[in-house]
Amino acid sequence: MGVRAARIIDLRSDVARRAVGIDRADAPAPWQETVARGGTPSSWGVRDRIINFGADGLVDPSRKRPGVWHLVLFRWNRPDAPTARLIEE
């Protein structure tokens, strides 16, 4: 997969989290139980803050595997959005 994006918040970075007002504990917070109880998980608020900041996505550290991360895009392959395409081997 090839991705071209410029407005990505890297949640692995203390500086990036502070810039958008995100507490370190909010992003990796468990969400399934909160939703099952009818609540809104703090991690969903993280997404909202990042979108309001004008970003198109985030780099999210794995909750279960230290050192592993993934890219989350809120929108893609539309005008003024990141592009993603499959790169064949």
PDB file of N, CA and C in Angstrom:
ATOM      1  N   MET A   1       0.859  -1.166   0.000  1.00  0.00           N
ATOM      2  CA  MET A   1       0.000   0.000   0.000  1.00  0.00           C
ATOM      3  C   MET A   1       0.900   1.221   0.000  1.00  0.00           C
ATOM      4  N   GLY A   2       0.616   2.156  -0.826  1.00  0.00           N
ATOM      5  CA  GLY A   2       1.304   3.435  -0.834  1.00  0.00           C
ATOM      6  C   GLY A   2       0.351   4.518  -0.363  1.00  0.00           C
ATOM      7  N   VAL A   3       0.835   5.394   0.510  1.00  0.00           N
ATOM      8  CA  VAL A   3      -0.006   6.464   1.056  1.00  0.00           C
ATOM      9  C   VAL A   3       0.746   7.774   0.942  1.00  0.00           C
ATOM     10  N   ARG A   4       0.049   8.785   0.473  1.00  0.00           N
ATOM     11  CA  ARG A   4       0.601  10.137   0.436  1.00  0.00           C
ATOM     12  C   ARG A   4      -0.320  11.028   1.251  1.00  0.00           C
ATOM     13  N   ALA A   5       0.212  11.539   2.357  1.00  0.00           N
ATOM     14  CA  ALA A   5      -0.591  12.376   3.249  1.00  0.00           C
ATOM     15  C   ALA A   5       0.330  13.353   3.971  1.00  0.00           C
ATOM     16  N   ALA A   6      -0.160  14.556   4.198  1.00  0.00           N
ATOM     17  CA  ALA A   6       0.661  15.577   4.842  1.00  0.00           C
ATOM     18  C   ALA A   6       0.182  15.938   6.243  1.00  0.00           C
ATOM     19  N   ARG A   7      -1.094  15.788   6.529  1.00  0.00           N
ATOM     20  CA  ARG A   7      -1.643  16.241   7.813  1.00  0.00           C
ATOM     21  C   ARG A   7      -1.982  15.034   8.698  1.00  0.00           C
ATOM     22  N   ILE A   8      -0.933  14.428   9.234  1.00  0.00           N
ATOM     23  CA  ILE A   8      -1.062  13.239  10.080  1.00  0.00           C
ATOM     24  C   ILE A   8      -0.477  13.571  11.453  1.00  0.00           C
ATOM     25  N   ILE A   9      -1.212  13.261  12.519  1.00  0.00           N
ATOM     26  CA  ILE A   9      -0.724  13.460  13.887  1.00  0.00           C
ATOM     27  C   ILE A   9      -0.143  12.136  14.368  1.00  0.00           C
ATOM     28  N   ASP A  10       1.105  12.165  14.793  1.00  0.00           N
ATOM     29  CA  ASP A  10       1.797  10.962  15.266  1.00  0.00           C
ATOM     30  C   ASP A  10       1.632  10.860  16.786  1.00  0.00           C
ATOM     31  N   LEU A  11       0.751   9.980  17.222  1.00  0.00           N
ATOM     32  CA  LEU A  11       0.475   9.847  18.651  1.00  0.00           C
ATOM     33  C   LEU A  11       1.620   9.206  19.426  1.00  0.00           C
ATOM     34  N   ARG A  12       2.657   8.774  18.734  1.00  0.00           N
ATOM     35  CA  ARG A  12       3.845   8.274  19.436  1.00  0.00           C
ATOM     36  C   ARG A  12       4.676   9.426  19.979  1.00  0.00           C
ATOM     37  N   SER A  13       4.426  10.630  19.484  1.00  0.00           N
ATOM     38  CA  SER A  13       5.219  11.811  19.820  1.00  0.00           C
ATOM     39  C   SER A  13       4.569  12.632  20.931  1.00  0.00           C
ATOM     40  N   ASP A  14       5.310  12.867  22.015  1.00  0.00           N
ATOM     41  CA  ASP A  14       4.813  13.726  23.094  1.00  0.00           C
ATOM     42  C   ASP A  14       4.525  15.133  22.574  1.00  0.00           C
ATOM     43  N   VAL A  15       5.389  15.642  21.715  1.00  0.00           N
ATOM     44  CA  VAL A  15       5.220  16.992  21.164  1.00  0.00           C
ATOM     45  C   VAL A  15       3.937  17.075  20.345  1.00  0.00           C
ATOM     46  N   ALA A  16       3.680  16.092  19.502  1.00  0.00           N
ATOM     47  CA  ALA A  16       2.475  16.099  18.662  1.00  0.00           C
ATOM     48  C   ALA A  16       1.216  16.001  19.514  1.00  0.00           C
ATOM     49  N   ARG A  17       1.237  15.126  20.518  1.00  0.00           N
ATOM     50  CA  ARG A  17       0.062  14.990  21.395  1.00  0.00           C
ATOM     51  C   ARG A  17      -0.226  16.291  22.132  1.00  0.00           C
ATOM     52  N   ARG A  18       0.816  16.923  22.654  1.00  0.00           N
ATOM     53  CA  ARG A  18       0.619  18.193  23.365  1.00  0.00           C
ATOM     54  C   ARG A  18       0.078  19.267  22.417  1.00  0.00           C
ATOM     55  N   ALA A  19       0.544  19.272  21.173  1.00  0.00           N
ATOM     56  CA  ALA A  19       0.120  20.297  20.208  1.00  0.00           C
ATOM     57  C   ALA A  19      -1.384  20.264  19.956  1.00  0.00           C
ATOM     58  N   VAL A  20      -1.997  19.094  20.074  1.00  0.00           N
ATOM     59  CA  VAL A  20      -3.435  18.985  19.834  1.00  0.00           C
ATOM     60  C   VAL A  20      -4.223  18.731  21.121  1.00  0.00           C
ATOM     61  N   GLY A  21      -3.534  18.801  22.269  1.00  0.00           N
ATOM     62  CA  GLY A  21      -4.208  18.692  23.556  1.00  0.00           C
ATOM     63  C   GLY A  21      -4.676  17.294  23.916  1.00  0.00           C
ATOM     64  N   ILE A  22      -3.875  16.302  23.571  1.00  0.00           N
ATOM     65  CA  ILE A  22      -4.243  14.919  23.849  1.00  0.00           C
ATOM     66  C   ILE A  22      -3.399  14.372  24.995  1.00  0.00           C
ATOM     67  N   ASP A  23      -4.062  13.841  25.994  1.00  0.00           N
ATOM     68  CA  ASP A  23      -3.382  13.208  27.115  1.00  0.00           C
ATOM     69  C   ASP A  23      -2.908  11.817  26.684  1.00  0.00           C
ATOM     70  N   ARG A  24      -1.715  11.441  27.128  1.00  0.00           N
ATOM     71  CA  ARG A  24      -1.121  10.149  26.760  1.00  0.00           C
ATOM     72  C   ARG A  24      -2.066   8.984  27.038  1.00  0.00           C
ATOM     73  N   ALA A  25      -2.848   9.035  28.108  1.00  0.00           N
ATOM     74  CA  ALA A  25      -3.714   7.919  28.495  1.00  0.00           C
ATOM     75  C   ALA A  25      -5.011   7.851  27.690  1.00  0.00           C
ATOM     76  N   ASP A  26      -5.388   8.909  26.999  1.00  0.00           N
ATOM     77  CA  ASP A  26      -6.669   8.920  26.290  1.00  0.00           C
ATOM     78  C   ASP A  26      -6.696   8.040  25.045  1.00  0.00           C
ATOM     79  N   ALA A  27      -5.634   8.065  24.258  1.00  0.00           N
ATOM     80  CA  ALA A  27      -5.640   7.343  22.985  1.00  0.00           C
ATOM     81  C   ALA A  27      -5.698   5.826  23.140  1.00  0.00           C
ATOM     82  N   PRO A  28      -4.898   5.233  24.034  1.00  0.00           N
ATOM     83  CA  PRO A  28      -4.938   3.765  24.104  1.00  0.00           C
ATOM     84  C   PRO A  28      -6.018   3.206  25.026  1.00  0.00           C
ATOM     85  N   ALA A  29      -6.893   4.046  25.512  1.00  0.00           N
ATOM     86  CA  ALA A  29      -7.906   3.598  26.471  1.00  0.00           C
ATOM     87  C   ALA A  29      -8.819   2.545  25.844  1.00  0.00           C
ATOM     88  N   PRO A  30      -9.146   1.499  26.585  1.00  0.00           N
ATOM     89  CA  PRO A  30     -10.082   0.492  26.084  1.00  0.00           C
ATOM     90  C   PRO A  30     -11.418   1.140  25.743  1.00  0.00           C
ATOM     91  N   TRP A  31     -12.073   0.650  24.706  1.00  0.00           N
ATOM     92  CA  TRP A  31     -13.311   1.290  24.271  1.00  0.00           C
ATOM     93  C   TRP A  31     -14.521   0.373  24.263  1.00  0.00           C
ATOM     94  N   GLN A  32     -14.330  -0.938  24.087  1.00  0.00           N
ATOM     95  CA  GLN A  32     -15.465  -1.840  23.933  1.00  0.00           C
ATOM     96  C   GLN A  32     -16.413  -1.815  25.137  1.00  0.00           C
ATOM     97  N   GLU A  33     -15.872  -1.901  26.331  1.00  0.00           N
ATOM     98  CA  GLU A  33     -16.725  -1.914  27.525  1.00  0.00           C
ATOM     99  C   GLU A  33     -17.458  -0.586  27.702  1.00  0.00           C
ATOM    100  N   THR A  34     -16.779   0.505  27.411  1.00  0.00           N
ATOM    101  CA  THR A  34     -17.409   1.820  27.545  1.00  0.00           C
ATOM    102  C   THR A  34     -18.598   1.943  26.601  1.00  0.00           C
ATOM    103  N   VAL A  35     -18.419   1.510  25.361  1.00  0.00           N
ATOM    104  CA  VAL A  35     -19.508   1.560  24.377  1.00  0.00           C
ATOM    105  C   VAL A  35     -20.653   0.641  24.807  1.00  0.00           C
ATOM    106  N   ALA A  36     -20.308  -0.548  25.299  1.00  0.00           N
ATOM    107  CA  ALA A  36     -21.345  -1.492  25.743  1.00  0.00           C
ATOM    108  C   ALA A  36     -22.200  -0.903  26.860  1.00  0.00           C
ATOM    109  N   ARG A  37     -21.602  -0.031  27.677  1.00  0.00           N
ATOM    110  CA  ARG A  37     -22.343   0.621  28.772  1.00  0.00           C
ATOM    111  C   ARG A  37     -23.062   1.886  28.303  1.00  0.00           C
ATOM    112  N   GLY A  38     -22.924   2.212  27.010  1.00  0.00           N
ATOM    113  CA  GLY A  38     -23.591   3.394  26.467  1.00  0.00           C
ATOM    114  C   GLY A  38     -22.765   4.657  26.547  1.00  0.00           C
ATOM    115  N   GLY A  39     -21.488   4.528  26.910  1.00  0.00           N
ATOM    116  CA  GLY A  39     -20.621   5.692  27.039  1.00  0.00           C
ATOM    117  C   GLY A  39     -19.842   5.998  25.777  1.00  0.00           C
ATOM    118  N   THR A  40     -19.093   7.069  25.831  1.00  0.00           N
ATOM    119  CA  THR A  40     -18.214   7.473  24.731  1.00  0.00           C
ATOM    120  C   THR A  40     -16.775   7.352  25.202  1.00  0.00           C
ATOM    121  N   PRO A  41     -16.002   6.470  24.594  1.00  0.00           N
ATOM    122  CA  PRO A  41     -14.613   6.265  25.009  1.00  0.00           C
ATOM    123  C   PRO A  41     -13.748   7.508  24.775  1.00  0.00           C
ATOM    124  N   SER A  42     -12.748   7.687  25.624  1.00  0.00           N
ATOM    125  CA  SER A  42     -11.847   8.829  25.468  1.00  0.00           C
ATOM    126  C   SER A  42     -11.105   8.768  24.134  1.00  0.00           C
ATOM    127  N   SER A  43     -10.861   7.567  23.616  1.00  0.00           N
ATOM    128  CA  SER A  43     -10.145   7.443  22.342  1.00  0.00           C
ATOM    129  C   SER A  43     -10.968   8.039  21.196  1.00  0.00           C
ATOM    130  N   TRP A  44     -12.290   8.030  21.292  1.00  0.00           N
ATOM    131  CA  TRP A  44     -13.115   8.653  20.259  1.00  0.00           C
ATOM    132  C   TRP A  44     -12.990  10.166  20.327  1.00  0.00           C
ATOM    133  N   GLY A  45     -12.809  10.703  21.519  1.00  0.00           N
ATOM    134  CA  GLY A  45     -12.570  12.130  21.671  1.00  0.00           C
ATOM    135  C   GLY A  45     -11.239  12.541  21.059  1.00  0.00           C
ATOM    136  N   VAL A  46     -10.254  11.640  21.132  1.00  0.00           N
ATOM    137  CA  VAL A  46      -8.953  11.894  20.501  1.00  0.00           C
ATOM    138  C   VAL A  46      -9.155  12.100  19.005  1.00  0.00           C
ATOM    139  N   ARG A  47      -9.911  11.214  18.377  1.00  0.00           N
ATOM    140  CA  ARG A  47     -10.184  11.341  16.944  1.00  0.00           C
ATOM    141  C   ARG A  47     -10.839  12.687  16.652  1.00  0.00           C
ATOM    142  N   ASP A  48     -11.844  13.048  17.430  1.00  0.00           N
ATOM    143  CA  ASP A  48     -12.539  14.316  17.202  1.00  0.00           C
ATOM    144  C   ASP A  48     -11.593  15.509  17.328  1.00  0.00           C
ATOM    145  N   ARG A  49     -10.719  15.499  18.333  1.00  0.00           N
ATOM    146  CA  ARG A  49      -9.769  16.613  18.511  1.00  0.00           C
ATOM    147  C   ARG A  49      -8.816  16.702  17.328  1.00  0.00           C
ATOM    148  N   ILE A  50      -8.375  15.557  16.835  1.00  0.00           N
ATOM    149  CA  ILE A  50      -7.439  15.556  15.704  1.00  0.00           C
ATOM    150  C   ILE A  50      -8.126  16.069  14.439  1.00  0.00           C
ATOM    151  N   ILE A  51      -9.356  15.670  14.205  1.00  0.00           N
ATOM    152  CA  ILE A  51     -10.101  16.170  13.046  1.00  0.00           C
ATOM    153  C   ILE A  51     -10.312  17.678  13.177  1.00  0.00           C
ATOM    154  N   ASN A  52     -10.708  18.150  14.365  1.00  0.00           N
ATOM    155  CA  ASN A  52     -10.908  19.586  14.578  1.00  0.00           C
ATOM    156  C   ASN A  52      -9.622  20.376  14.401  1.00  0.00           C
ATOM    157  N   PHE A  53      -8.486  19.755  14.625  1.00  0.00           N
ATOM    158  CA  PHE A  53      -7.190  20.386  14.423  1.00  0.00           C
ATOM    159  C   PHE A  53      -6.876  20.528  12.935  1.00  0.00           C
ATOM    160  N   GLY A  54      -7.595  19.783  12.093  1.00  0.00           N
ATOM    161  CA  GLY A  54      -7.398  19.870  10.644  1.00  0.00           C
ATOM    162  C   GLY A  54      -6.588  18.728  10.061  1.00  0.00           C
ATOM    163  N   ALA A  55      -6.331  17.697  10.848  1.00  0.00           N
ATOM    164  CA  ALA A  55      -5.548  16.568  10.356  1.00  0.00           C
ATOM    165  C   ALA A  55      -6.433  15.571   9.618  1.00  0.00           C
ATOM    166  N   ASP A  56      -5.803  14.796   8.746  1.00  0.00           N
ATOM    167  CA  ASP A  56      -6.502  13.777   7.958  1.00  0.00           C
ATOM    168  C   ASP A  56      -6.369  12.376   8.559  1.00  0.00           C
ATOM    169  N   GLY A  57      -5.538  12.241   9.578  1.00  0.00           N
ATOM    170  CA  GLY A  57      -5.347  10.919  10.159  1.00  0.00           C
ATOM    171  C   GLY A  57      -4.344  10.953  11.287  1.00  0.00           C
ATOM    172  N   LEU A  58      -4.004   9.759  11.745  1.00  0.00           N
ATOM    173  CA  LEU A  58      -3.069   9.654  12.861  1.00  0.00           C
ATOM    174  C   LEU A  58      -2.235   8.389  12.763  1.00  0.00           C
ATOM    175  N   VAL A  59      -1.084   8.430  13.406  1.00  0.00           N
ATOM    176  CA  VAL A  59      -0.269   7.237  13.611  1.00  0.00           C
ATOM    177  C   VAL A  59      -0.565   6.802  15.034  1.00  0.00           C
ATOM    178  N   ASP A  60      -1.049   5.571  15.169  1.00  0.00           N
ATOM    179  CA  ASP A  60      -1.519   5.048  16.449  1.00  0.00           C
ATOM    180  C   ASP A  60      -0.632   3.898  16.903  1.00  0.00           C
ATOM    181  N   PRO A  61       0.026   4.025  18.065  1.00  0.00           N
ATOM    182  CA  PRO A  61       0.819   2.898  18.569  1.00  0.00           C
ATOM    183  C   PRO A  61      -0.096   1.740  18.936  1.00  0.00           C
ATOM    184  N   SER A  62       0.383   0.533  18.713  1.00  0.00           N
ATOM    185  CA  SER A  62      -0.396  -0.659  19.055  1.00  0.00           C
ATOM    186  C   SER A  62      -0.646  -0.728  20.551  1.00  0.00           C
ATOM    187  N   ARG A  63      -1.846  -1.101  20.916  1.00  0.00           N
ATOM    188  CA  ARG A  63      -2.188  -1.266  22.327  1.00  0.00           C
ATOM    189  C   ARG A  63      -1.655  -2.592  22.867  1.00  0.00           C
ATOM    190  N   LYS A  64      -1.453  -3.565  21.985  1.00  0.00           N
ATOM    191  CA  LYS A  64      -1.082  -4.912  22.418  1.00  0.00           C
ATOM    192  C   LYS A  64       0.352  -5.308  22.086  1.00  0.00           C
ATOM    193  N   ARG A  65       0.965  -4.621  21.126  1.00  0.00           N
ATOM    194  CA  ARG A  65       2.317  -4.988  20.704  1.00  0.00           C
ATOM    195  C   ARG A  65       3.222  -3.759  20.714  1.00  0.00           C
ATOM    196  N   PRO A  66       3.997  -3.569  21.782  1.00  0.00           N
ATOM    197  CA  PRO A  66       4.895  -2.410  21.862  1.00  0.00           C
ATOM    198  C   PRO A  66       5.818  -2.330  20.644  1.00  0.00           C
ATOM    199  N   GLY A  67       5.990  -1.118  20.135  1.00  0.00           N
ATOM    200  CA  GLY A  67       6.865  -0.898  18.987  1.00  0.00           C
ATOM    201  C   GLY A  67       6.146  -1.011  17.651  1.00  0.00           C
ATOM    202  N   VAL A  68       4.936  -1.539  17.631  1.00  0.00           N
ATOM    203  CA  VAL A  68       4.152  -1.668  16.405  1.00  0.00           C
ATOM    204  C   VAL A  68       3.174  -0.496  16.354  1.00  0.00           C
ATOM    205  N   TRP A  69       2.890  -0.011  15.173  1.00  0.00           N
ATOM    206  CA  TRP A  69       1.969   1.105  15.008  1.00  0.00           C
ATOM    207  C   TRP A  69       1.180   0.922  13.729  1.00  0.00           C
ATOM    208  N   HIS A  70       0.117   1.693  13.582  1.00  0.00           N
ATOM    209  CA  HIS A  70      -0.643   1.669  12.336  1.00  0.00           C
ATOM    210  C   HIS A  70      -1.111   3.084  11.990  1.00  0.00           C
ATOM    211  N   LEU A  71      -1.381   3.259  10.716  1.00  0.00           N
ATOM    212  CA  LEU A  71      -1.851   4.534  10.193  1.00  0.00           C
ATOM    213  C   LEU A  71      -3.365   4.487  10.071  1.00  0.00           C
ATOM    214  N   VAL A  72      -4.022   5.501  10.601  1.00  0.00           N
ATOM    215  CA  VAL A  72      -5.475   5.634  10.500  1.00  0.00           C
ATOM    216  C   VAL A  72      -5.764   6.878   9.668  1.00  0.00           C
ATOM    217  N   LEU A  73      -6.478   6.708   8.563  1.00  0.00           N
ATOM    218  CA  LEU A  73      -6.909   7.845   7.747  1.00  0.00           C
ATOM    219  C   LEU A  73      -8.395   8.054   7.973  1.00  0.00           C
ATOM    220  N   PHE A  74      -8.810   9.292   8.187  1.00  0.00           N
ATOM    221  CA  PHE A  74     -10.215   9.611   8.387  1.00  0.00           C
ATOM    222  C   PHE A  74     -10.945   9.741   7.055  1.00  0.00           C
ATOM    223  N   ARG A  75     -10.215  10.081   6.022  1.00  0.00           N
ATOM    224  CA  ARG A  75     -10.760  10.183   4.661  1.00  0.00           C
ATOM    225  C   ARG A  75      -9.599   9.997   3.698  1.00  0.00           C
ATOM    226  N   TRP A  76      -9.890   9.526   2.483  1.00  0.00           N
ATOM    227  CA  TRP A  76      -8.834   9.301   1.513  1.00  0.00           C
ATOM    228  C   TRP A  76      -9.432   9.210   0.110  1.00  0.00           C
ATOM    229  N   ASN A  77      -8.541   9.402  -0.870  1.00  0.00           N
ATOM    230  CA  ASN A  77      -8.894   9.293  -2.295  1.00  0.00           C
ATOM    231  C   ASN A  77     -10.089  10.170  -2.687  1.00  0.00           C
ATOM    232  N   ARG A  78     -10.131  11.364  -2.094  1.00  0.00           N
ATOM    233  CA  ARG A  78     -11.099  12.392  -2.470  1.00  0.00           C
ATOM    234  C   ARG A  78     -10.304  13.682  -2.675  1.00  0.00           C
ATOM    235  N   PRO A  79     -10.893  14.663  -3.341  1.00  0.00           N
ATOM    236  CA  PRO A  79     -10.170  15.928  -3.499  1.00  0.00           C
ATOM    237  C   PRO A  79      -9.728  16.482  -2.138  1.00  0.00           C
ATOM    238  N   ASP A  80      -8.526  16.997  -2.082  1.00  0.00           N
ATOM    239  CA  ASP A  80      -7.952  17.585  -0.869  1.00  0.00           C
ATOM    240  C   ASP A  80      -7.865  16.586   0.289  1.00  0.00           C
ATOM    241  N   ALA A  81      -7.621  15.336  -0.035  1.00  0.00           N
ATOM    242  CA  ALA A  81      -7.475  14.290   0.991  1.00  0.00           C
ATOM    243  C   ALA A  81      -6.248  13.445   0.649  1.00  0.00           C
ATOM    244  N   PRO A  82      -5.748  12.692   1.619  1.00  0.00           N
ATOM    245  CA  PRO A  82      -4.645  11.786   1.319  1.00  0.00           C
ATOM    246  C   PRO A  82      -5.036  10.791   0.228  1.00  0.00           C
ATOM    247  N   THR A  83      -4.032  10.271  -0.441  1.00  0.00           N
ATOM    248  CA  THR A  83      -4.282   9.214  -1.424  1.00  0.00           C
ATOM    249  C   THR A  83      -3.686   7.914  -0.927  1.00  0.00           C
ATOM    250  N   ALA A  84      -4.382   6.845  -1.227  1.00  0.00           N
ATOM    251  CA  ALA A  84      -3.901   5.509  -0.870  1.00  0.00           C
ATOM    252  C   ALA A  84      -4.106   4.622  -2.100  1.00  0.00           C
ATOM    253  N   ARG A  85      -3.080   3.834  -2.390  1.00  0.00           N
ATOM    254  CA  ARG A  85      -3.213   2.908  -3.515  1.00  0.00           C
ATOM    255  C   ARG A  85      -2.391   1.666  -3.229  1.00  0.00           C
ATOM    256  N   LEU A  86      -2.831   0.581  -3.784  1.00  0.00           N
ATOM    257  CA  LEU A  86      -2.143  -0.688  -3.639  1.00  0.00           C
ATOM    258  C   LEU A  86      -0.941  -0.701  -4.557  1.00  0.00           C
ATOM    259  N   ILE A  87       0.214  -1.049  -4.021  1.00  0.00           N
ATOM    260  CA  ILE A  87       1.425  -1.191  -4.828  1.00  0.00           C
ATOM    261  C   ILE A  87       1.659  -2.685  -4.981  1.00  0.00           C
ATOM    262  N   GLU A  88       1.562  -3.155  -6.197  1.00  0.00           N
ATOM    263  CA  GLU A  88       1.747  -4.584  -6.441  1.00  0.00           C
ATOM    264  C   GLU A  88       3.217  -4.932  -6.396  1.00  0.00           C
ATOM    265  N   GLU A  89       3.499  -6.135  -5.934  1.00  0.00           N
ATOM    266  CA  GLU A  89       4.894  -6.608  -5.846  1.00  0.00           C
ATOM    267  C   GLU A  89       5.447  -6.900  -7.210  1.00  0.00           C
TER     268      GLU A  89
END
